[in-house]
Amino acid sequence: MHSSILWFLLAINAVCGAHVSNCPANLQQGNTLKVYQDHCYEFNLHHLTDWPHAANDCKSRGGTLVVVNDLAEQDFIISALKLFPFHGRGIWIGYTDAEKEGTWKWVTGETSTFTYWASGEPSRRRRFLLDADEDCAIMKYSDPAGHWNDIPCVKQDPLGLIHERYPYVCEYLQRAATTTQPANADTSQPSTVPSTAA
């Protein structure tokens, strides 16, 4: 039932563009921009890159690679992905242990009490002889629930034949909703001092 509610909310969001007007002004408003709670999510599904470039792109526009705080947010992201004609292996998320092996942190510096690793992950194994450590995480789209997998942030293939290039999702805080007052509106505060008029 939880998934059906999320699907309904995503459908409403897709039709009505729920609150995308409160997303940062520098973001292109379109079907790749979604809102969940007080955050805007920009789905960069046609831009394949390595983890550092994805993280820098989000940061340059005032956001971060997506930070998944709980199962509801995880469900939102995987459900939103299913609204797009996307069939890739996965998307970069902002989770890494590049600073200290085995200590996973979000790009915001937060550690996490919520994780959604696939069975046997994080594995820290090298798939090929020249692979770098598996220090960055993807949300596996090939897994219906979107479990996470650790993989190298950048491929160290000297021949350039194999790349760790994935699409990504940037996350932004919504701007505070602004209200405009008519030009002739009285904005003075009422006085709490009794009038002494005679």
Protein backbone atom coordinates (compact mmCIF):
# COMPACT_ATOMS: atom_id res chain seq x y z
CA MET A 1 0.00 0.00 0.00
CA HIS A 2 2.92 2.35 0.77
CA SER A 3 4.13 2.10 -2.85
CA SER A 4 0.69 2.84 -4.26
CA ILE A 5 0.52 6.05 -2.22
CA LEU A 6 3.93 7.11 -3.54
CA TRP A 7 2.84 6.34 -7.11
CA PHE A 8 -0.26 8.47 -6.58
CA LEU A 9 1.79 11.36 -5.19
CA LEU A 10 4.26 11.11 -8.06
CA ALA A 11 1.42 11.13 -10.58
CA ILE A 12 -0.04 14.27 -8.97
CA ASN A 13 3.41 15.84 -8.98
CA ALA A 14 3.91 14.99 -12.66
CA VAL A 15 0.55 16.45 -13.65
CA CYS A 16 0.49 19.49 -11.39
CA GLY A 17 4.22 20.21 -11.06
CA ALA A 18 3.76 20.25 -7.28
CA HIS A 19 5.87 23.05 -5.82
CA VAL A 20 8.62 23.02 -8.49
CA SER A 21 8.22 26.79 -8.50
CA ASN A 22 9.95 26.73 -5.09
CA CYS A 23 12.98 24.92 -6.52
CA PRO A 24 16.15 26.99 -7.01
CA ALA A 25 15.73 29.43 -9.89
CA ASN A 26 18.84 28.17 -11.71
CA LEU A 27 17.23 24.75 -12.32
CA GLN A 28 15.41 24.02 -15.53
CA GLN A 29 11.78 23.36 -14.69
CA GLY A 30 10.54 20.36 -16.59
CA ASN A 31 9.65 16.73 -16.15
CA THR A 32 13.12 15.85 -14.78
CA LEU A 33 12.55 18.07 -11.73
CA LYS A 34 10.55 16.45 -8.92
CA VAL A 35 9.63 17.54 -5.40
CA TYR A 36 9.51 15.38 -2.30
CA GLN A 37 8.89 16.92 1.11
CA ASP A 38 10.97 20.11 1.20
CA HIS A 39 13.55 19.07 -1.39
CA CYS A 40 13.84 19.30 -5.16
CA TYR A 41 15.30 16.39 -7.10
CA GLU A 42 16.85 16.84 -10.52
CA PHE A 43 17.07 13.59 -12.47
CA ASN A 44 20.09 13.84 -14.80
CA LEU A 45 19.42 10.59 -16.64
CA HIS A 46 20.94 11.48 -20.01
CA HIS A 47 24.24 12.70 -18.61
CA LEU A 48 26.54 9.74 -17.91
CA THR A 49 29.63 10.57 -15.90
CA ASP A 50 31.86 9.34 -13.08
CA TRP A 51 31.04 10.02 -9.42
CA PRO A 52 33.37 13.03 -8.87
CA HIS A 53 32.01 14.84 -11.93
CA ALA A 54 28.42 14.13 -10.90
CA ALA A 55 29.09 15.39 -7.36
CA ASN A 56 30.80 18.54 -8.69
CA ASP A 57 27.97 19.23 -11.14
CA CYS A 58 25.38 19.12 -8.36
CA LYS A 59 27.55 21.26 -6.07
CA SER A 60 28.17 23.86 -8.79
CA ARG A 61 24.41 24.44 -8.98
CA GLY A 62 23.86 24.65 -5.22
CA GLY A 63 22.92 21.04 -4.47
CA THR A 64 24.43 17.67 -3.68
CA LEU A 65 24.24 14.21 -5.10
CA VAL A 66 21.08 12.71 -3.64
CA VAL A 67 21.16 11.84 0.07
CA VAL A 68 18.74 9.04 0.95
CA ASN A 69 17.62 9.45 4.55
CA ASP A 70 14.95 6.77 4.88
CA LEU A 71 12.95 4.10 3.09
CA ALA A 72 10.22 6.58 2.07
CA GLU A 73 12.78 8.72 0.24
CA GLN A 74 14.32 5.59 -1.30
CA ASP A 75 10.87 4.55 -2.56
CA PHE A 76 10.24 8.06 -3.90
CA ILE A 77 13.46 8.03 -5.96
CA ILE A 78 13.02 4.54 -7.40
CA SER A 79 9.35 5.26 -8.16
CA ALA A 80 10.26 8.53 -9.87
CA LEU A 81 12.86 6.72 -11.97
CA LYS A 82 10.14 4.38 -13.21
CA LEU A 83 8.25 7.40 -14.62
CA PHE A 84 11.10 8.02 -17.08
CA PRO A 85 12.10 5.96 -20.12
CA PHE A 86 15.24 4.93 -18.22
CA HIS A 87 16.72 1.46 -18.43
CA GLY A 88 20.24 1.90 -17.08
CA ARG A 89 22.04 -0.21 -14.48
CA GLY A 90 21.85 2.41 -11.76
CA ILE A 91 22.34 6.02 -10.67
CA TRP A 92 25.02 7.65 -8.55
CA ILE A 93 23.99 8.60 -5.03
CA GLY A 94 25.97 10.81 -2.67
CA TYR A 95 27.30 8.01 -0.45
CA THR A 96 31.05 7.31 -0.27
CA ASP A 97 33.78 5.84 1.89
CA ALA A 98 36.61 7.45 -0.10
CA GLU A 99 37.79 9.39 2.96
CA LYS A 100 38.15 6.31 5.20
CA GLU A 101 37.63 2.78 3.93
CA GLY A 102 34.56 1.22 5.51
CA THR A 103 33.23 4.50 6.97
CA TRP A 104 30.40 5.49 4.66
CA LYS A 105 29.28 9.11 4.69
CA TRP A 106 26.95 11.26 2.65
CA VAL A 107 28.40 14.13 0.59
CA THR A 108 26.87 16.43 3.20
CA GLY A 109 29.19 14.92 5.82
CA GLU A 110 26.38 13.05 7.57
CA THR A 111 26.78 9.45 8.58
CA SER A 112 23.67 7.38 8.08
CA THR A 113 21.49 5.21 10.22
CA PHE A 114 19.57 4.17 7.08
CA THR A 115 21.24 2.05 4.42
CA TYR A 116 19.79 -0.03 1.62
CA TRP A 117 22.67 -2.21 0.47
CA ALA A 118 22.06 -5.16 -1.82
CA SER A 119 22.91 -8.56 -0.37
CA GLY A 120 26.69 -8.89 0.03
CA GLU A 121 27.28 -5.14 -0.29
CA PRO A 122 29.28 -3.11 0.35
CA SER A 123 31.77 -5.65 -0.92
CA ARG A 124 34.94 -3.57 -1.39
CA ARG A 125 36.13 -6.10 -3.92
CA ARG A 126 37.89 -5.32 -7.16
CA ARG A 127 36.20 -6.79 -10.19
CA PHE A 128 39.25 -6.42 -12.41
CA LEU A 129 42.97 -6.37 -11.69
CA LEU A 130 43.30 -2.63 -12.38
CA ASP A 131 40.11 -1.56 -10.60
CA ALA A 132 40.16 1.17 -8.00
CA ASP A 133 38.60 0.60 -4.59
CA GLU A 134 34.81 0.51 -4.52
CA ASP A 135 34.36 3.81 -2.70
CA CYS A 136 31.14 5.19 -4.23
CA ALA A 137 27.56 3.96 -4.27
CA ILE A 138 24.94 3.54 -6.93
CA MET A 139 21.24 2.88 -6.51
CA LYS A 140 20.72 -0.17 -8.69
CA TYR A 141 17.91 0.44 -11.14
CA SER A 142 18.28 -3.14 -12.35
CA ASP A 143 17.03 -4.14 -8.88
CA PRO A 144 13.28 -3.40 -8.61
CA ALA A 145 13.72 -2.04 -5.06
CA GLY A 146 16.82 -0.02 -5.95
CA HIS A 147 19.25 -1.61 -3.49
CA TRP A 148 22.69 -0.01 -3.32
CA ASN A 149 25.99 -1.33 -4.64
CA ASP A 150 29.51 -0.01 -4.04
CA ILE A 151 31.65 0.44 -7.13
CA PRO A 152 34.77 2.43 -8.09
CA CYS A 153 34.15 6.19 -8.27
CA VAL A 154 36.31 6.42 -11.39
CA LYS A 155 37.44 3.58 -13.61
CA GLN A 156 41.20 3.10 -13.64
CA ASP A 157 41.23 1.25 -16.97
CA PRO A 158 44.45 2.32 -18.77
CA LEU A 159 42.99 1.34 -22.15
CA GLY A 160 39.84 3.40 -21.61
CA LEU A 161 37.62 0.48 -22.54
CA ILE A 162 35.62 0.27 -19.33
CA HIS A 163 34.04 3.27 -17.60
CA GLU A 164 32.12 3.78 -14.38
CA ARG A 165 29.73 6.27 -15.92
CA TYR A 166 26.21 6.55 -14.62
CA PRO A 167 23.41 9.08 -14.56
CA TYR A 168 22.73 10.82 -11.26
CA VAL A 169 20.21 12.71 -9.19
CA CYS A 170 20.97 16.10 -7.60
CA GLU A 171 19.10 17.19 -4.49
CA TYR A 172 18.36 20.79 -3.51
CA LEU A 173 16.54 22.51 -0.67
CA GLN A 174 13.40 24.29 -1.77
CA ARG A 175 13.42 28.06 -1.53
CA ALA A 176 11.12 29.59 1.03
CA ALA A 177 7.78 30.43 -0.52
CA THR A 178 7.49 34.15 -0.99
CA THR A 179 4.33 36.12 -0.72
CA THR A 180 3.83 39.44 -2.35
CA GLN A 181 1.85 42.24 -0.83
CA PRO A 182 -0.10 44.76 -2.86
CA ALA A 183 1.77 48.04 -3.28
CA ASN A 184 -0.75 49.88 -1.12
CA ALA A 185 -0.92 47.28 1.67
CA ASP A 186 -0.52 48.54 5.22
CA THR A 187 2.34 46.55 6.71
CA SER A 188 2.58 48.47 9.97
CA GLN A 189 2.12 46.49 13.16
CA PRO A 190 -0.88 47.29 15.33
CA SER A 191 0.04 49.23 18.43
CA THR A 192 -0.28 47.59 21.81
CA VAL A 193 -0.21 50.96 23.53
CA PRO A 194 -3.71 52.30 24.28
CA SER A 195 -4.67 55.40 22.39
CA THR A 196 -4.63 58.63 24.42
CA ALA A 197 -6.78 60.54 21.99
CA ALA A 198 -9.26 62.82 23.68
